[in-house]
Amino acid sequence: MDITPKYYSDYRSELKSGDVVAWNQVPDNLPFFTKMVVWVVTKALRSPYYHIGVVWRTNNRVLIIEASPPRCRIDVLSRRGSFVHLKTGLKWSKAVENDLLEYVGKPYSIWEAVLVPFKIKAVKNRAWYCSELVKDFFNKEGMYVEGISPEDVLISLAEETGNYITPVVMDHHVERTVAEDEKEFNKIAKVAEKTESKIIEN
C-alpha cells in the first residue's frame, strides 16, 4: 500500500473513465450559502471529504461528472484542488458512458445534502447530491455500493474493488515554495492514511 502523494502532471495517465475522485479542501470560490452547508455537513460527519465525483476521459481530456449546485455537471479535473483517487476497474463502454452522462443537467438537491449528517437516505426524486449520484451510478453498473456521505461511498467502493486510494496534488498554475509544497503533500497524505485505516478496519 503506497499512499505517497503524486503530482497531477505525473499521475494524469492513471485516471480512467469510471474511476472516483474525492476532495477534502473546500474551494474559496463556492457561494457563501453552499460553503456554509458544506462546512456544517463535513463537521457533523467528522468526515475529511466534502465532495466526490466520477472521472470521465474523452478526447484526452480528464473531466468529472458531479452533483454540484445548481445542477449536475461536467467539469475539468485540473481546475480543482488536490484530491484522492480510487481506481474502480469499471469496464467502460458507450452504454456505461451514456448512463453517466444522463445525470448531467439534473438538479442538485441542497436539502438532501443537508440531511446527510443525520444519515437520512435520499428520497426518490429527480434531484441529486454528490455521493448519491456516485452510489446510484455504480449500483446501476452492477457494483454494490452503500453509504450516504462521500467518505461512506469512497470506502464502500474501495472495499468492493479491493483497491487502495492514491492522494494527488495539483501542480500546475500554482506557485508554491518548497515548504508550502511539503505542507500540501502532508495534508493530503494524512487524509488518505485515515481513509485507508478505516478501509482496513472494515
Protein backbone atom coordinates (compact mmCIF):
# COMPACT_ATOMS: atom_id res chain seq x y z
CA MET A 1 0.00 0.00 0.00
CA ASP A 2 1.67 3.19 -1.23
CA ILE A 3 -0.04 6.40 -0.15
CA THR A 4 2.75 8.73 -1.19
CA PRO A 5 1.12 11.74 -2.89
CA LYS A 6 1.64 12.06 -6.64
CA TYR A 7 1.82 15.19 -8.74
CA TYR A 8 -1.15 15.51 -11.09
CA SER A 9 1.04 16.05 -14.15
CA ASP A 10 2.90 12.79 -13.46
CA TYR A 11 -0.20 10.84 -12.47
CA ARG A 12 -2.75 12.09 -15.04
CA SER A 13 -2.49 9.00 -17.27
CA GLU A 14 -3.63 6.78 -14.38
CA LEU A 15 -7.07 8.40 -14.27
CA LYS A 16 -9.61 6.33 -16.22
CA SER A 17 -13.28 6.77 -17.05
CA GLY A 18 -15.34 5.32 -14.23
CA ASP A 19 -12.77 6.00 -11.52
CA VAL A 20 -13.70 8.07 -8.48
CA VAL A 21 -12.14 11.20 -7.02
CA ALA A 22 -12.89 12.91 -3.71
CA TRP A 23 -11.87 16.26 -2.26
CA ASN A 24 -11.14 17.31 1.30
CA GLN A 25 -10.44 21.03 0.82
CA VAL A 26 -13.39 23.35 0.27
CA PRO A 27 -12.58 25.86 -2.52
CA ASP A 28 -12.80 29.56 -1.76
CA ASN A 29 -14.90 30.33 -4.84
CA LEU A 30 -18.02 28.50 -3.64
CA PRO A 31 -21.11 30.66 -2.99
CA PHE A 32 -21.40 31.60 0.69
CA PHE A 33 -24.54 29.54 1.37
CA THR A 34 -23.07 26.45 -0.32
CA LYS A 35 -19.83 26.87 1.61
CA MET A 36 -21.75 27.04 4.90
CA VAL A 37 -23.73 23.90 4.06
CA VAL A 38 -20.51 22.07 3.16
CA TRP A 39 -18.87 23.20 6.40
CA VAL A 40 -21.84 22.04 8.53
CA VAL A 41 -22.05 18.68 6.74
CA THR A 42 -18.34 17.86 6.99
CA LYS A 43 -18.14 18.94 10.64
CA ALA A 44 -21.25 16.97 11.60
CA LEU A 45 -19.96 13.87 9.81
CA ARG A 46 -16.41 14.34 11.09
CA SER A 47 -15.53 13.43 7.54
CA PRO A 48 -12.38 14.60 5.75
CA TYR A 49 -14.22 14.74 2.42
CA TYR A 50 -16.73 17.33 1.34
CA HIS A 51 -17.24 16.16 -2.25
CA ILE A 52 -16.97 13.17 -4.62
CA GLY A 53 -17.33 12.66 -8.36
CA VAL A 54 -16.80 10.24 -11.25
CA VAL A 55 -13.94 10.56 -13.77
CA TRP A 56 -14.78 10.77 -17.47
CA ARG A 57 -12.00 10.80 -20.07
CA THR A 58 -12.81 11.96 -23.58
CA ASN A 59 -10.57 13.30 -26.36
CA ASN A 60 -7.63 13.01 -23.95
CA ARG A 61 -9.33 15.38 -21.50
CA VAL A 62 -9.81 14.36 -17.88
CA LEU A 63 -13.24 15.53 -16.75
CA ILE A 64 -15.51 14.81 -13.82
CA ILE A 65 -19.24 14.24 -13.63
CA GLU A 66 -20.55 15.60 -10.34
CA ALA A 67 -23.62 16.77 -8.50
CA SER A 68 -22.85 20.37 -7.60
CA PRO A 69 -25.16 23.38 -7.17
CA PRO A 70 -27.29 24.26 -9.02
CA ARG A 71 -27.18 21.22 -11.39
CA CYS A 72 -25.22 18.05 -12.02
CA ARG A 73 -22.46 18.98 -14.40
CA ILE A 74 -19.23 18.22 -16.23
CA ASP A 75 -16.08 19.99 -15.03
CA VAL A 76 -12.37 19.87 -15.81
CA LEU A 77 -10.48 17.98 -13.10
CA SER A 78 -7.29 20.03 -13.47
CA ARG A 79 -9.18 23.17 -12.38
CA ARG A 80 -9.76 21.66 -8.97
CA GLY A 81 -7.55 21.23 -5.92
CA SER A 82 -5.73 18.20 -4.56
CA PHE A 83 -7.79 15.02 -4.32
CA VAL A 84 -7.74 11.30 -3.61
CA HIS A 85 -8.25 8.86 -6.48
CA LEU A 86 -9.71 5.36 -6.46
CA LYS A 87 -9.38 3.03 -9.44
CA THR A 88 -12.65 1.13 -9.80
CA GLY A 89 -11.79 -1.10 -12.76
CA LEU A 90 -15.27 -0.44 -14.18
CA LYS A 91 -15.48 -1.89 -17.69
CA TRP A 92 -16.10 1.14 -19.88
CA SER A 93 -18.41 1.16 -22.88
CA LYS A 94 -20.63 3.58 -24.76
CA ALA A 95 -23.63 2.32 -22.80
CA VAL A 96 -21.88 2.95 -19.47
CA GLU A 97 -20.80 6.38 -20.67
CA ASN A 98 -24.39 7.21 -21.61
CA ASP A 99 -25.56 6.07 -18.16
CA LEU A 100 -23.12 8.51 -16.56
CA LEU A 101 -23.94 11.41 -18.86
CA GLU A 102 -27.67 11.02 -18.11
CA TYR A 103 -27.07 12.75 -14.76
CA VAL A 104 -25.75 15.92 -16.40
CA GLY A 105 -28.23 18.78 -16.19
CA LYS A 106 -30.34 17.22 -13.44
CA PRO A 107 -30.93 19.49 -10.43
CA TYR A 108 -28.78 19.41 -7.31
CA SER A 109 -30.58 18.79 -4.02
CA ILE A 110 -29.09 21.09 -1.41
CA TRP A 111 -31.62 19.96 1.22
CA GLU A 112 -30.80 16.28 0.79
CA ALA A 113 -27.15 17.21 1.23
CA VAL A 114 -28.06 18.95 4.49
CA LEU A 115 -29.72 15.73 5.70
CA VAL A 116 -26.58 13.63 5.07
CA PRO A 117 -25.17 14.14 8.62
CA PHE A 118 -28.37 12.68 10.02
CA LYS A 119 -27.87 9.56 7.86
CA ILE A 120 -31.24 10.08 6.24
CA LYS A 121 -31.40 8.28 2.92
CA ALA A 122 -32.09 10.24 -0.22
CA VAL A 123 -35.68 10.43 -1.33
CA LYS A 124 -36.53 9.20 -4.79
CA ASN A 125 -36.76 12.32 -6.89
CA ARG A 126 -35.01 13.97 -9.80
CA ALA A 127 -32.54 15.92 -7.67
CA TRP A 128 -29.12 14.66 -6.57
CA TYR A 129 -26.27 15.36 -4.19
CA CYS A 130 -22.70 14.24 -4.86
CA SER A 131 -22.41 10.91 -3.05
CA GLU A 132 -25.95 9.93 -4.04
CA LEU A 133 -25.07 10.33 -7.74
CA VAL A 134 -21.88 8.26 -7.41
CA LYS A 135 -23.60 5.49 -5.48
CA ASP A 136 -26.55 5.35 -7.87
CA PHE A 137 -24.28 5.19 -10.91
CA PHE A 138 -22.15 2.31 -9.64
CA ASN A 139 -25.12 0.34 -8.36
CA LYS A 140 -26.67 0.76 -11.81
CA GLU A 141 -23.50 -0.74 -13.30
CA GLY A 142 -23.73 -3.81 -11.07
CA MET A 143 -21.33 -2.84 -8.28
CA TYR A 144 -22.57 -2.98 -4.69
CA VAL A 145 -22.05 0.43 -3.11
CA GLU A 146 -23.63 1.69 0.10
CA GLY A 147 -23.40 4.72 2.34
CA ILE A 148 -24.62 8.29 2.33
CA SER A 149 -21.62 10.59 2.75
CA PRO A 150 -18.70 10.99 0.31
CA GLU A 151 -16.46 9.10 2.74
CA ASP A 152 -19.01 6.26 3.11
CA VAL A 153 -19.25 5.82 -0.65
CA LEU A 154 -15.49 6.03 -1.16
CA ILE A 155 -14.82 3.36 1.47
CA SER A 156 -17.60 1.15 0.13
CA LEU A 157 -16.15 1.35 -3.38
CA ALA A 158 -12.66 0.63 -2.09
CA GLU A 159 -13.96 -2.49 -0.36
CA GLU A 160 -15.93 -3.54 -3.45
CA THR A 161 -12.95 -3.15 -5.78
CA GLY A 162 -10.17 -4.20 -3.40
CA ASN A 163 -8.16 -1.14 -4.48
CA TYR A 164 -6.36 1.47 -2.44
CA ILE A 165 -6.72 5.22 -2.81
CA THR A 166 -3.96 7.48 -4.11
CA PRO A 167 -3.53 11.10 -2.97
CA VAL A 168 -2.87 13.50 -5.86
CA VAL A 169 -1.56 17.07 -5.60
CA MET A 170 -2.26 19.65 -8.27
CA ASP A 171 0.95 21.20 -9.53
CA HIS A 172 0.13 23.44 -12.46
CA HIS A 173 -0.80 27.11 -12.33
CA VAL A 174 0.27 27.00 -8.71
CA GLU A 175 3.43 28.61 -7.44
CA ARG A 176 4.41 27.21 -4.08
CA THR A 177 7.56 27.36 -2.03
CA VAL A 178 9.23 24.09 -1.05
CA ALA A 179 7.71 24.44 2.43
CA GLU A 180 4.22 25.04 1.01
CA ASP A 181 4.66 22.08 -1.30
CA GLU A 182 5.58 19.85 1.62
CA LYS A 183 2.61 21.11 3.61
CA GLU A 184 0.23 20.30 0.73
CA PHE A 185 1.70 16.82 0.37
CA ASN A 186 1.45 16.12 4.11
CA LYS A 187 -2.15 17.35 4.27
CA ILE A 188 -3.48 15.09 1.51
CA ALA A 189 -1.33 12.15 2.67
CA LYS A 190 -2.79 12.40 6.18
CA VAL A 191 -6.34 12.33 4.80
CA ALA A 192 -5.53 9.27 2.67
CA GLU A 193 -3.96 7.47 5.64
CA LYS A 194 -7.08 7.94 7.75
CA THR A 195 -9.30 6.63 4.96
CA GLU A 196 -7.10 3.59 4.39
CA SER A 197 -7.20 2.84 8.13
CA LYS A 198 -10.99 2.83 8.03
CA ILE A 199 -10.99 0.57 4.97
CA ILE A 200 -8.69 -1.90 6.72
CA GLU A 201 -10.80 -1.78 9.89
CA ASN A 202 -13.95 -2.66 7.93
